[in-house]
Protein backbone atom coordinates (compact mmCIF):
# COMPACT_ATOMS: atom_id res chain seq x y z
CA MET A 1 40.57 -16.61 13.93
CA SER A 2 41.38 -12.97 13.56
CA PRO A 3 44.66 -11.85 12.03
CA ILE A 4 45.39 -9.97 15.24
CA GLY A 5 45.41 -13.25 17.20
CA ASP A 6 47.94 -14.66 14.73
CA ILE A 7 50.19 -11.63 15.08
CA ALA A 8 50.01 -11.70 18.86
CA GLY A 9 50.96 -15.37 18.96
CA GLY A 10 47.54 -16.73 19.82
CA PRO A 11 46.28 -20.24 19.04
CA GLY A 12 47.08 -21.27 15.51
CA ALA A 13 49.98 -18.86 15.17
CA ALA A 14 53.25 -19.98 13.63
CA ALA A 15 56.33 -20.65 15.72
CA PRO A 16 58.01 -17.48 16.96
CA ALA A 17 60.53 -16.05 14.56
CA GLY A 18 62.60 -14.34 17.27
CA PRO A 19 65.21 -17.09 17.77
CA VAL A 20 65.58 -17.63 14.02
CA THR A 21 66.01 -13.92 13.40
CA ALA A 22 68.54 -13.68 16.21
CA ALA A 23 70.54 -16.62 14.84
CA ILE A 24 70.62 -15.17 11.33
CA ARG A 25 71.64 -11.76 12.67
CA TRP A 26 74.39 -13.33 14.79
CA ILE A 27 75.77 -15.25 11.80
CA ARG A 28 75.61 -12.18 9.56
CA CYS A 29 77.32 -9.93 12.10
CA SER A 30 80.04 -12.47 12.84
CA VAL A 31 80.85 -13.10 9.17
CA ALA A 32 80.90 -9.43 8.10
CA PRO A 33 84.24 -8.61 9.79
CA LEU A 34 85.82 -11.65 8.13
CA GLY A 35 84.60 -10.44 4.74
CA ALA A 36 85.99 -6.97 5.41
CA LEU A 37 89.33 -8.47 6.43
CA MET A 38 89.46 -10.61 3.29
CA ALA A 39 88.58 -7.58 1.13
CA GLY A 40 91.34 -5.55 2.76
CA VAL A 41 93.93 -8.26 2.24
CA THR A 42 92.82 -8.74 -1.36
CA ALA A 43 92.98 -4.98 -2.01
CA ASN A 44 96.54 -4.89 -0.63
CA VAL A 45 97.62 -7.82 -2.78
CA ILE A 46 95.98 -7.10 -6.14
CA GLY A 47 94.90 -3.45 -5.78
CA LEU A 48 91.69 -1.64 -4.98
CA HIS A 49 90.25 -1.43 -8.49
CA ALA A 50 90.93 -5.09 -9.19
CA THR A 51 89.27 -6.02 -5.89
CA ILE A 52 86.16 -4.03 -6.81
CA ARG A 53 86.07 -5.71 -10.23
CA LEU A 54 86.44 -9.09 -8.53
CA GLY A 55 83.51 -8.28 -6.27
CA VAL A 56 81.36 -7.26 -9.22
CA VAL A 57 82.24 -10.46 -11.08
CA GLY A 58 81.48 -12.48 -7.95
CA LEU A 59 78.08 -10.87 -7.36
CA THR A 60 76.90 -10.94 -10.99
CA PRO A 61 75.85 -14.63 -11.03
CA SER A 62 73.70 -14.23 -7.92
CA VAL A 63 71.98 -11.14 -9.33
CA LEU A 64 71.35 -12.91 -12.63
CA PHE A 65 69.99 -15.95 -10.80
CA LEU A 66 67.52 -13.81 -8.87
CA CYS A 67 66.48 -11.82 -11.92
CA LEU A 68 65.93 -14.92 -14.05
CA SER A 69 64.17 -16.93 -11.34
CA PRO A 70 60.39 -16.92 -10.89
CA LEU A 71 60.71 -14.92 -7.65
CA LEU A 72 60.22 -11.59 -9.38
CA ALA A 73 56.98 -12.76 -11.02
CA MET A 74 55.79 -14.17 -7.70
CA ALA A 75 56.39 -10.83 -5.99
CA ARG A 76 54.40 -9.03 -8.68
CA ARG A 77 51.44 -11.42 -8.26
CA ARG A 78 51.29 -10.91 -4.50
CA PRO A 79 47.84 -9.69 -3.45
CA THR A 80 47.70 -6.08 -2.39
CA GLN A 81 44.82 -6.50 0.06
CA PRO A 82 44.64 -8.87 3.03
CA ALA A 83 42.61 -12.03 2.54
CA VAL A 84 40.58 -11.37 5.71
CA PRO A 85 39.21 -7.83 6.01
CA PHE A 86 39.53 -6.17 9.39
């Protein structure tokens, strides 16, 4: 089967990603205003600089997790050429 048939949704293609993408986008767009509201309330209560520091402290573990996980090495080993030539 040609890669073009897989992209076009021909036989053997994976399930369409449209509904999944739409659901993730809907969740992300509906949660973003709540995060902005929480950040605004936190900035009013403890101050802007303290809120930024709190955000940095909150994001640091996730960045460290991604940097120390094998995902970075997997991305570097990704083949640069397609498996099936056109």
